[in-house]
Amino acid sequence: MKKELGKWFLDIAKYLATAGLIAPWISDSDQLGIWIFPLIGIVFILTLGIGLRILAREDVKEKNRNKNKNRR
C-alpha cells in the first residue's frame, strides 16, 4: 500500500514538472504571474521528496523481510 502511495507522489511530481514546462508555451506568461513558477518548483520538490522517502523506506523493509526469510 505504501509503495503505491510513493509511486503516486512521484507521478504527481512528474505531472507538475510537465505542467511547469508546458504552461508558458500554451498561455501568456503575463497571465500566469511570476509566483506560479516558484510555487510549482516547491510543490514538485516536496512531492518528489515524499515519494522517494516512502519508496526508500519500503525498500529497506522489504530487504529486512528477505533477510529474515533467508535466515530461517
C-alpha atoms as a PDB file:
ATOM      1  CA  MET A   1       0.000   0.000   0.000  1.00  0.00           C
ATOM      2  CA  LYS A   2       2.698   2.491   0.965  1.00  0.00           C
ATOM      3  CA  LYS A   3       4.765   1.590  -2.087  1.00  0.00           C
ATOM      4  CA  GLU A   4       1.827   2.555  -4.303  1.00  0.00           C
ATOM      5  CA  LEU A   5       1.474   5.825  -2.399  1.00  0.00           C
ATOM      6  CA  GLY A   6       5.149   6.574  -3.038  1.00  0.00           C
ATOM      7  CA  LYS A   7       4.686   5.903  -6.745  1.00  0.00           C
ATOM      8  CA  TRP A   8       1.629   8.155  -6.722  1.00  0.00           C
ATOM      9  CA  PHE A   9       3.674  11.037  -5.256  1.00  0.00           C
ATOM     10  CA  LEU A  10       6.319  10.533  -7.950  1.00  0.00           C
ATOM     11  CA  ASP A  11       3.616  10.667 -10.627  1.00  0.00           C
ATOM     12  CA  ILE A  12       2.296  13.929  -9.192  1.00  0.00           C
ATOM     13  CA  ALA A  13       5.832  15.364  -9.267  1.00  0.00           C
ATOM     14  CA  LYS A  14       6.173  14.362 -12.934  1.00  0.00           C
ATOM     15  CA  TYR A  15       2.849  15.999 -13.796  1.00  0.00           C
ATOM     16  CA  LEU A  16       3.885  19.199 -12.037  1.00  0.00           C
ATOM     17  CA  ALA A  17       7.201  19.290 -13.887  1.00  0.00           C
ATOM     18  CA  THR A  18       5.432  18.754 -17.196  1.00  0.00           C
ATOM     19  CA  ALA A  19       2.854  21.441 -16.436  1.00  0.00           C
ATOM     20  CA  GLY A  20       5.591  23.851 -15.388  1.00  0.00           C
ATOM     21  CA  LEU A  21       7.446  23.347 -18.651  1.00  0.00           C
ATOM     22  CA  ILE A  22       4.429  23.416 -20.964  1.00  0.00           C
ATOM     23  CA  ALA A  23       2.363  26.176 -19.333  1.00  0.00           C
ATOM     24  CA  PRO A  24       4.485  29.114 -20.561  1.00  0.00           C
ATOM     25  CA  TRP A  25       4.136  27.974 -24.180  1.00  0.00           C
ATOM     26  CA  ILE A  26       0.390  27.462 -24.040  1.00  0.00           C
ATOM     27  CA  SER A  27      -0.678  30.660 -22.309  1.00  0.00           C
ATOM     28  CA  ASP A  28       0.592  34.189 -21.993  1.00  0.00           C
ATOM     29  CA  SER A  29       3.256  34.485 -19.315  1.00  0.00           C
ATOM     30  CA  ASP A  30       1.617  37.746 -18.175  1.00  0.00           C
ATOM     31  CA  GLN A  31      -1.483  35.861 -17.062  1.00  0.00           C
ATOM     32  CA  LEU A  32       0.423  33.225 -15.107  1.00  0.00           C
ATOM     33  CA  GLY A  33       2.230  35.686 -12.911  1.00  0.00           C
ATOM     34  CA  ILE A  34       5.748  35.376 -11.578  1.00  0.00           C
ATOM     35  CA  TRP A  35       4.690  33.478  -8.436  1.00  0.00           C
ATOM     36  CA  ILE A  36       3.410  30.348 -10.211  1.00  0.00           C
ATOM     37  CA  PHE A  37       6.832  29.029 -11.282  1.00  0.00           C
ATOM     38  CA  PRO A  38       8.437  29.030  -7.832  1.00  0.00           C
ATOM     39  CA  LEU A  39       5.230  27.542  -6.432  1.00  0.00           C
ATOM     40  CA  ILE A  40       5.337  24.694  -8.968  1.00  0.00           C
ATOM     41  CA  GLY A  41       9.012  24.177  -8.151  1.00  0.00           C
ATOM     42  CA  ILE A  42       8.404  23.979  -4.403  1.00  0.00           C
ATOM     43  CA  VAL A  43       5.475  21.584  -4.718  1.00  0.00           C
ATOM     44  CA  PHE A  44       7.482  19.492  -7.200  1.00  0.00           C
ATOM     45  CA  ILE A  45      10.389  19.169  -4.764  1.00  0.00           C
ATOM     46  CA  LEU A  46       8.051  18.321  -1.883  1.00  0.00           C
ATOM     47  CA  THR A  47       6.131  15.629  -3.743  1.00  0.00           C
ATOM     48  CA  LEU A  48       9.314  14.169  -5.207  1.00  0.00           C
ATOM     49  CA  GLY A  49      10.945  14.054  -1.786  1.00  0.00           C
ATOM     50  CA  ILE A  50       7.920  12.469  -0.126  1.00  0.00           C
ATOM     51  CA  GLY A  51       7.620   9.856  -2.859  1.00  0.00           C
ATOM     52  CA  LEU A  52      11.304   8.950  -2.759  1.00  0.00           C
ATOM     53  CA  ARG A  53      11.315   8.758   1.040  1.00  0.00           C
ATOM     54  CA  ILE A  54       8.307   6.425   1.109  1.00  0.00           C
ATOM     55  CA  LEU A  55       9.815   4.184  -1.569  1.00  0.00           C
ATOM     56  CA  ALA A  56      13.182   4.086   0.190  1.00  0.00           C
ATOM     57  CA  ARG A  57      11.584   3.067   3.492  1.00  0.00           C
ATOM     58  CA  GLU A  58       9.568   0.347   1.805  1.00  0.00           C
ATOM     59  CA  ASP A  59      12.693  -0.982   0.067  1.00  0.00           C
ATOM     60  CA  VAL A  60      14.515  -1.197   3.405  1.00  0.00           C
ATOM     61  CA  LYS A  61      11.566  -3.019   4.978  1.00  0.00           C
ATOM     62  CA  GLU A  62      11.435  -5.435   2.047  1.00  0.00           C
ATOM     63  CA  LYS A  63      15.175  -6.146   2.274  1.00  0.00           C
ATOM     64  CA  ASN A  64      14.854  -6.811   6.010  1.00  0.00           C
ATOM     65  CA  ARG A  65      11.981  -9.218   5.370  1.00  0.00           C
ATOM     66  CA  ASN A  66      14.032 -11.065   2.775  1.00  0.00           C
ATOM     67  CA  LYS A  67      16.998 -11.313   5.152  1.00  0.00           C
ATOM     68  CA  ASN A  68      14.794 -12.772   7.864  1.00  0.00           C
ATOM     69  CA  LYS A  69      13.333 -15.336   5.434  1.00  0.00           C
ATOM     70  CA  ASN A  70      16.811 -16.414   4.334  1.00  0.00           C
ATOM     71  CA  ARG A  71      17.967 -16.921   7.939  1.00  0.00           C
ATOM     72  CA  ARG A  72      15.250 -19.457   8.617  1.00  0.00           C
END
